[in-house]
Amino acid sequence: MTNRYKKYEKNYSEESFWQKINGVVHKLGRKSLEEVLILYYTLLSSQTPLHVKAVIIGALGYFICPIDVIPDVLPIIGYTDDAAVIATTIKIVAKAMVNHCEIEEFREKAQKTIKKLLG
C-alpha cells in the first residue's frame, strides 16, 4: 500500500484536501466522508507515528488527485476506487495505531465535522 500510493503524496496539502471535501461533501456517502476525515485527524495527531502518516498522506493524495483509476466525474462509480483506498488505509491505520491512541477520538471529530459540513 505505501509504495503503491506514494506517488500521490505530492497531491496532498491542507488546502487541496479541504477544497476536495467541500466539492464532494454531497456526493460521497456519509461513511466514506467519515473515513476520509478520520484519516485527516489521525494525520494531524502528534501521537501518530511517521510511517503511518506517510501511508495516510498517500491515501489522501490519491483521494484528492483528479486523475485516478476510475475518474471521479463518472456517476455512481466515480468514487469507488477512492473509497476502496480509504477503507484499506483505515484498516492499516487501525492496526498500527492500536497502542498509540484511540481512533474513536478521531471518529467523533469526523462526525462533528460532517454535521457542520452538511448543516
C-alpha atoms as a PDB file:
ATOM      1  CA  MET A   1       0.000   0.000   0.000  1.00  0.00           C
ATOM      2  CA  THR A   2       2.666   2.513   0.968  1.00  0.00           C
ATOM      3  CA  ASN A   3       4.715   2.202  -2.226  1.00  0.00           C
ATOM      4  CA  ARG A   4       1.684   1.909  -4.476  1.00  0.00           C
ATOM      5  CA  TYR A   5       0.226   5.272  -3.406  1.00  0.00           C
ATOM      6  CA  LYS A   6       3.489   7.043  -2.561  1.00  0.00           C
ATOM      7  CA  LYS A   7       3.377   8.867  -5.904  1.00  0.00           C
ATOM      8  CA  TYR A   8       0.141  10.551  -4.772  1.00  0.00           C
ATOM      9  CA  GLU A   9       1.774  12.239  -1.759  1.00  0.00           C
ATOM     10  CA  LYS A  10       2.555  15.261  -3.933  1.00  0.00           C
ATOM     11  CA  ASN A  11      -1.203  15.840  -4.375  1.00  0.00           C
ATOM     12  CA  TYR A  12      -1.812  16.281  -0.660  1.00  0.00           C
ATOM     13  CA  SER A  13      -1.961  19.650   1.012  1.00  0.00           C
ATOM     14  CA  GLU A  14      -4.255  21.051   3.666  1.00  0.00           C
ATOM     15  CA  GLU A  15      -5.786  23.464   1.156  1.00  0.00           C
ATOM     16  CA  SER A  16      -6.345  20.854  -1.573  1.00  0.00           C
ATOM     17  CA  PHE A  17      -7.832  18.470   0.998  1.00  0.00           C
ATOM     18  CA  TRP A  18     -10.499  20.950   2.105  1.00  0.00           C
ATOM     19  CA  GLN A  19     -11.217  22.009  -1.487  1.00  0.00           C
ATOM     20  CA  LYS A  20     -11.868  18.369  -2.369  1.00  0.00           C
ATOM     21  CA  ILE A  21     -14.014  17.804   0.742  1.00  0.00           C
ATOM     22  CA  ASN A  22     -16.128  20.884   0.014  1.00  0.00           C
ATOM     23  CA  GLY A  23     -16.528  19.771  -3.599  1.00  0.00           C
ATOM     24  CA  VAL A  24     -17.659  16.229  -2.802  1.00  0.00           C
ATOM     25  CA  VAL A  25     -19.425  16.590   0.538  1.00  0.00           C
ATOM     26  CA  HIS A  26     -22.834  15.925  -1.050  1.00  0.00           C
ATOM     27  CA  LYS A  27     -21.545  13.290  -3.499  1.00  0.00           C
ATOM     28  CA  LEU A  28     -19.717  10.979  -1.097  1.00  0.00           C
ATOM     29  CA  GLY A  29     -21.594   8.675   1.179  1.00  0.00           C
ATOM     30  CA  ARG A  30     -21.531   9.599   4.870  1.00  0.00           C
ATOM     31  CA  LYS A  31     -19.373   6.557   5.727  1.00  0.00           C
ATOM     32  CA  SER A  32     -16.734   7.386   3.111  1.00  0.00           C
ATOM     33  CA  LEU A  33     -16.693  11.022   4.200  1.00  0.00           C
ATOM     34  CA  GLU A  34     -16.281   9.930   7.810  1.00  0.00           C
ATOM     35  CA  GLU A  35     -13.377   7.627   6.929  1.00  0.00           C
ATOM     36  CA  VAL A  36     -11.600  10.373   4.969  1.00  0.00           C
ATOM     37  CA  LEU A  37     -11.960  12.729   7.926  1.00  0.00           C
ATOM     38  CA  ILE A  38     -10.748  10.068  10.374  1.00  0.00           C
ATOM     39  CA  LEU A  39      -7.594   9.731   8.293  1.00  0.00           C
ATOM     40  CA  TYR A  40      -7.215  13.504   8.217  1.00  0.00           C
ATOM     41  CA  TYR A  41      -7.491  13.827  12.008  1.00  0.00           C
ATOM     42  CA  THR A  42      -5.172  10.861  12.518  1.00  0.00           C
ATOM     43  CA  LEU A  43      -2.641  12.601  10.277  1.00  0.00           C
ATOM     44  CA  LEU A  44      -2.815  15.755  12.409  1.00  0.00           C
ATOM     45  CA  SER A  45      -2.227  13.904  15.669  1.00  0.00           C
ATOM     46  CA  SER A  46       1.197  14.210  17.263  1.00  0.00           C
ATOM     47  CA  GLN A  47       0.734  10.637  18.525  1.00  0.00           C
ATOM     48  CA  THR A  48       0.579   9.193  15.010  1.00  0.00           C
ATOM     49  CA  PRO A  49       3.864   7.513  14.019  1.00  0.00           C
ATOM     50  CA  LEU A  50       5.650   8.926  10.983  1.00  0.00           C
ATOM     51  CA  HIS A  51       5.296   5.739   8.917  1.00  0.00           C
ATOM     52  CA  VAL A  52       1.519   5.794   9.476  1.00  0.00           C
ATOM     53  CA  LYS A  53       1.373   9.452   8.458  1.00  0.00           C
ATOM     54  CA  ALA A  54       3.177   8.555   5.222  1.00  0.00           C
ATOM     55  CA  VAL A  55       0.511   5.958   4.383  1.00  0.00           C
ATOM     56  CA  ILE A  56      -2.271   8.433   5.187  1.00  0.00           C
ATOM     57  CA  ILE A  57      -0.726  11.180   3.045  1.00  0.00           C
ATOM     58  CA  GLY A  58      -0.505   8.779   0.112  1.00  0.00           C
ATOM     59  CA  ALA A  59      -4.145   7.742   0.513  1.00  0.00           C
ATOM     60  CA  LEU A  60      -5.404  11.303   0.931  1.00  0.00           C
ATOM     61  CA  GLY A  61      -3.288  12.369  -2.034  1.00  0.00           C
ATOM     62  CA  TYR A  62      -4.995   9.654  -4.089  1.00  0.00           C
ATOM     63  CA  PHE A  63      -8.382  10.902  -2.871  1.00  0.00           C
ATOM     64  CA  ILE A  64      -7.500  14.469  -3.909  1.00  0.00           C
ATOM     65  CA  CYS A  65      -5.888  13.558  -7.236  1.00  0.00           C
ATOM     66  CA  PRO A  66      -8.232  14.319 -10.142  1.00  0.00           C
ATOM     67  CA  ILE A  67      -6.673  11.556 -12.258  1.00  0.00           C
ATOM     68  CA  ASP A  68      -7.021   8.085 -10.770  1.00  0.00           C
ATOM     69  CA  VAL A  69      -8.103   4.588 -11.767  1.00  0.00           C
ATOM     70  CA  ILE A  70     -11.810   5.433 -12.051  1.00  0.00           C
ATOM     71  CA  PRO A  71     -12.431   9.126 -12.882  1.00  0.00           C
ATOM     72  CA  ASP A  72     -14.407  10.883 -10.138  1.00  0.00           C
ATOM     73  CA  VAL A  73     -16.693  12.524 -12.695  1.00  0.00           C
ATOM     74  CA  LEU A  74     -18.364   9.208 -13.563  1.00  0.00           C
ATOM     75  CA  PRO A  75     -21.767   8.984 -11.883  1.00  0.00           C
ATOM     76  CA  ILE A  76     -22.166   6.373  -9.134  1.00  0.00           C
ATOM     77  CA  ILE A  77     -18.852   4.545  -9.670  1.00  0.00           C
ATOM     78  CA  GLY A  78     -16.554   7.574  -9.792  1.00  0.00           C
ATOM     79  CA  TYR A  79     -15.550   7.386  -6.132  1.00  0.00           C
ATOM     80  CA  THR A  80     -15.453   3.608  -5.674  1.00  0.00           C
ATOM     81  CA  ASP A  81     -11.681   3.399  -6.123  1.00  0.00           C
ATOM     82  CA  ASP A  82     -11.179   6.305  -3.718  1.00  0.00           C
ATOM     83  CA  ALA A  83     -13.461   4.615  -1.181  1.00  0.00           C
ATOM     84  CA  ALA A  84     -11.528   1.356  -1.508  1.00  0.00           C
ATOM     85  CA  VAL A  85      -8.188   3.101  -0.928  1.00  0.00           C
ATOM     86  CA  ILE A  86      -9.572   4.992   2.071  1.00  0.00           C
ATOM     87  CA  ALA A  87     -11.177   1.871   3.606  1.00  0.00           C
ATOM     88  CA  THR A  88      -7.973  -0.133   3.188  1.00  0.00           C
ATOM     89  CA  THR A  89      -5.941   2.676   4.724  1.00  0.00           C
ATOM     90  CA  ILE A  90      -8.339   2.873   7.681  1.00  0.00           C
ATOM     91  CA  LYS A  91      -7.677  -0.827   8.361  1.00  0.00           C
ATOM     92  CA  ILE A  92      -3.911  -0.335   8.130  1.00  0.00           C
ATOM     93  CA  VAL A  93      -4.055   2.693  10.422  1.00  0.00           C
ATOM     94  CA  ALA A  94      -6.299   0.955  12.959  1.00  0.00           C
ATOM     95  CA  LYS A  95      -3.822  -1.925  13.243  1.00  0.00           C
ATOM     96  CA  ALA A  96      -0.819   0.379  13.501  1.00  0.00           C
ATOM     97  CA  MET A  97      -2.422   2.770  15.980  1.00  0.00           C
ATOM     98  CA  VAL A  98      -3.761   0.215  18.448  1.00  0.00           C
ATOM     99  CA  ASN A  99      -1.075   1.074  21.012  1.00  0.00           C
ATOM    100  CA  HIS A 100      -0.704   4.758  20.202  1.00  0.00           C
ATOM    101  CA  CYS A 101      -4.111   6.392  20.530  1.00  0.00           C
ATOM    102  CA  GLU A 102      -7.811   5.903  20.081  1.00  0.00           C
ATOM    103  CA  ILE A 103      -9.290   6.016  16.594  1.00  0.00           C
ATOM    104  CA  GLU A 104     -12.653   6.673  18.270  1.00  0.00           C
ATOM    105  CA  GLU A 105     -11.491  10.169  19.224  1.00  0.00           C
ATOM    106  CA  PHE A 106     -10.905  10.890  15.536  1.00  0.00           C
ATOM    107  CA  ARG A 107     -14.245   9.317  14.614  1.00  0.00           C
ATOM    108  CA  GLU A 108     -16.021  11.735  16.973  1.00  0.00           C
ATOM    109  CA  LYS A 109     -14.177  14.701  15.439  1.00  0.00           C
ATOM    110  CA  ALA A 110     -15.105  13.449  11.971  1.00  0.00           C
ATOM    111  CA  GLN A 111     -18.788  13.172  12.894  1.00  0.00           C
ATOM    112  CA  LYS A 112     -18.800  16.726  14.293  1.00  0.00           C
ATOM    113  CA  THR A 113     -17.173  17.997  11.111  1.00  0.00           C
ATOM    114  CA  ILE A 114     -19.738  16.174   8.956  1.00  0.00           C
ATOM    115  CA  LYS A 115     -22.563  17.835  10.903  1.00  0.00           C
ATOM    116  CA  LYS A 116     -21.008  21.249  10.249  1.00  0.00           C
ATOM    117  CA  LEU A 117     -20.452  20.491   6.552  1.00  0.00           C
ATOM    118  CA  LEU A 118     -23.968  19.180   5.981  1.00  0.00           C
ATOM    119  CA  GLY A 119     -25.667  21.812   8.121  1.00  0.00           C
END
